[in-house]
Amino acid sequence: MKNVLRILVFLAVTAPQLSHACSVCMGDPNSNVAKGANGMVFFLLGVLGCIFGLLGTFAYQIYRHSKLPTPPHAELGDADAQPTTGLS
């Protein structure tokens, strides 16, 4: 596995003409492809922002509900339970 990695690194360093940048990076910045790629990047950033925002909101809801007192019906259910002792 190490030999394969070394060969790939060697090829990437010694043959830079084989790896060309895409037309969006090195092409005309005013082309339709570049505009579409920029729009896609900002759309995906928005999607990630929404996902992380929802995750943060969910974590805050869990935190907020963990600080609430125990509801009365849950307290009564725990008080009526008979403790089990031994093997009886």
C-alpha atoms as a PDB file:
ATOM      1  CA  MET A   1       0.000   0.000   0.000  1.00  0.00           C
ATOM      2  CA  LYS A   2       2.855   2.367   0.784  1.00  0.00           C
ATOM      3  CA  ASN A   3       4.412   1.683  -2.619  1.00  0.00           C
ATOM      4  CA  VAL A   4       1.194   2.585  -4.411  1.00  0.00           C
ATOM      5  CA  LEU A   5       0.957   5.836  -2.459  1.00  0.00           C
ATOM      6  CA  ARG A   6       4.570   6.680  -3.227  1.00  0.00           C
ATOM      7  CA  ILE A   7       4.037   6.029  -6.927  1.00  0.00           C
ATOM      8  CA  LEU A   8       0.941   8.243  -6.990  1.00  0.00           C
ATOM      9  CA  VAL A   9       2.761  11.075  -5.215  1.00  0.00           C
ATOM     10  CA  PHE A  10       5.724  10.709  -7.573  1.00  0.00           C
ATOM     11  CA  LEU A  11       3.461  10.866 -10.626  1.00  0.00           C
ATOM     12  CA  ALA A  12       1.587  13.876  -9.295  1.00  0.00           C
ATOM     13  CA  VAL A  13       4.832  15.773  -8.642  1.00  0.00           C
ATOM     14  CA  THR A  14       6.707  14.856 -11.811  1.00  0.00           C
ATOM     15  CA  ALA A  15       3.858  15.111 -14.315  1.00  0.00           C
ATOM     16  CA  PRO A  16       1.966  18.355 -13.607  1.00  0.00           C
ATOM     17  CA  GLN A  17       0.906  18.684 -17.223  1.00  0.00           C
ATOM     18  CA  LEU A  18      -1.401  15.692 -16.703  1.00  0.00           C
ATOM     19  CA  SER A  19      -3.436  17.502 -14.063  1.00  0.00           C
ATOM     20  CA  HIS A  20      -5.173  20.534 -15.513  1.00  0.00           C
ATOM     21  CA  ALA A  21      -7.501  22.754 -13.554  1.00  0.00           C
ATOM     22  CA  CYS A  22     -11.142  22.731 -14.522  1.00  0.00           C
ATOM     23  CA  SER A  23     -12.570  25.386 -16.807  1.00  0.00           C
ATOM     24  CA  VAL A  24     -14.291  27.075 -13.868  1.00  0.00           C
ATOM     25  CA  CYS A  25     -11.016  27.715 -12.044  1.00  0.00           C
ATOM     26  CA  MET A  26      -8.826  28.642 -14.990  1.00  0.00           C
ATOM     27  CA  GLY A  27     -11.434  29.682 -17.551  1.00  0.00           C
ATOM     28  CA  ASP A  28     -13.511  32.785 -18.104  1.00  0.00           C
ATOM     29  CA  PRO A  29     -15.051  33.906 -14.775  1.00  0.00           C
ATOM     30  CA  ASN A  30     -18.022  35.394 -16.639  1.00  0.00           C
ATOM     31  CA  SER A  31     -18.955  32.164 -18.440  1.00  0.00           C
ATOM     32  CA  ASN A  32     -22.216  30.375 -17.729  1.00  0.00           C
ATOM     33  CA  VAL A  33     -20.349  27.386 -16.292  1.00  0.00           C
ATOM     34  CA  ALA A  34     -18.532  29.567 -13.749  1.00  0.00           C
ATOM     35  CA  LYS A  35     -21.758  31.329 -12.781  1.00  0.00           C
ATOM     36  CA  GLY A  36     -23.514  27.996 -12.360  1.00  0.00           C
ATOM     37  CA  ALA A  37     -20.690  26.573 -10.258  1.00  0.00           C
ATOM     38  CA  ASN A  38     -20.680  29.673  -8.045  1.00  0.00           C
ATOM     39  CA  GLY A  39     -24.437  29.413  -7.600  1.00  0.00           C
ATOM     40  CA  MET A  40     -24.110  25.745  -6.722  1.00  0.00           C
ATOM     41  CA  VAL A  41     -21.453  26.481  -4.098  1.00  0.00           C
ATOM     42  CA  PHE A  42     -23.603  29.127  -2.432  1.00  0.00           C
ATOM     43  CA  PHE A  43     -26.661  26.857  -2.560  1.00  0.00           C
ATOM     44  CA  LEU A  44     -24.736  24.043  -0.859  1.00  0.00           C
ATOM     45  CA  LEU A  45     -23.438  26.485   1.767  1.00  0.00           C
ATOM     46  CA  GLY A  46     -27.038  27.475   2.427  1.00  0.00           C
ATOM     47  CA  VAL A  47     -28.092  23.843   2.757  1.00  0.00           C
ATOM     48  CA  LEU A  48     -25.260  23.194   5.222  1.00  0.00           C
ATOM     49  CA  GLY A  49     -26.194  26.322   7.156  1.00  0.00           C
ATOM     50  CA  CYS A  50     -29.793  25.096   7.426  1.00  0.00           C
ATOM     51  CA  ILE A  51     -28.724  21.631   8.548  1.00  0.00           C
ATOM     52  CA  PHE A  52     -26.337  22.949  11.201  1.00  0.00           C
ATOM     53  CA  GLY A  53     -28.935  25.497  12.316  1.00  0.00           C
ATOM     54  CA  LEU A  54     -31.541  22.774  12.748  1.00  0.00           C
ATOM     55  CA  LEU A  55     -29.052  20.587  14.595  1.00  0.00           C
ATOM     56  CA  GLY A  56     -28.210  23.453  16.950  1.00  0.00           C
ATOM     57  CA  THR A  57     -31.905  24.202  17.488  1.00  0.00           C
ATOM     58  CA  PHE A  58     -32.570  20.555  18.302  1.00  0.00           C
ATOM     59  CA  ALA A  59     -29.671  20.481  20.782  1.00  0.00           C
ATOM     60  CA  TYR A  60     -30.983  23.666  22.412  1.00  0.00           C
ATOM     61  CA  GLN A  61     -34.468  22.160  22.696  1.00  0.00           C
ATOM     62  CA  ILE A  62     -33.050  19.051  24.365  1.00  0.00           C
ATOM     63  CA  TYR A  63     -31.044  21.230  26.766  1.00  0.00           C
ATOM     64  CA  ARG A  64     -34.058  23.421  27.560  1.00  0.00           C
ATOM     65  CA  HIS A  65     -36.363  20.460  28.184  1.00  0.00           C
ATOM     66  CA  SER A  66     -33.803  18.778  30.418  1.00  0.00           C
ATOM     67  CA  LYS A  67     -33.981  21.767  32.791  1.00  0.00           C
ATOM     68  CA  LEU A  68     -37.777  21.589  33.211  1.00  0.00           C
ATOM     69  CA  PRO A  69     -39.222  20.081  36.402  1.00  0.00           C
ATOM     70  CA  THR A  70     -40.630  16.571  36.284  1.00  0.00           C
ATOM     71  CA  PRO A  71     -44.317  16.574  35.295  1.00  0.00           C
ATOM     72  CA  PRO A  72     -46.793  15.597  38.068  1.00  0.00           C
ATOM     73  CA  HIS A  73     -48.029  12.429  36.307  1.00  0.00           C
ATOM     74  CA  ALA A  74     -44.455  11.121  36.094  1.00  0.00           C
ATOM     75  CA  GLU A  75     -43.866  11.815  39.797  1.00  0.00           C
ATOM     76  CA  LEU A  76     -47.022   9.901  40.787  1.00  0.00           C
ATOM     77  CA  GLY A  77     -46.044   6.933  38.669  1.00  0.00           C
ATOM     78  CA  ASP A  78     -42.662   6.695  40.387  1.00  0.00           C
ATOM     79  CA  ALA A  79     -44.180   7.025  43.900  1.00  0.00           C
ATOM     80  CA  ASP A  80     -46.634   4.145  43.381  1.00  0.00           C
ATOM     81  CA  ALA A  81     -44.002   1.682  42.277  1.00  0.00           C
ATOM     82  CA  GLN A  82     -43.146  -0.997  44.818  1.00  0.00           C
ATOM     83  CA  PRO A  83     -39.411  -1.472  45.406  1.00  0.00           C
ATOM     84  CA  THR A  84     -38.224  -4.983  44.715  1.00  0.00           C
ATOM     85  CA  THR A  85     -35.948  -6.521  47.290  1.00  0.00           C
ATOM     86  CA  GLY A  86     -34.215  -9.855  47.202  1.00  0.00           C
ATOM     87  CA  LEU A  87     -35.529 -12.934  45.366  1.00  0.00           C
ATOM     88  CA  SER A  88     -39.104 -12.869  46.643  1.00  0.00           C
END
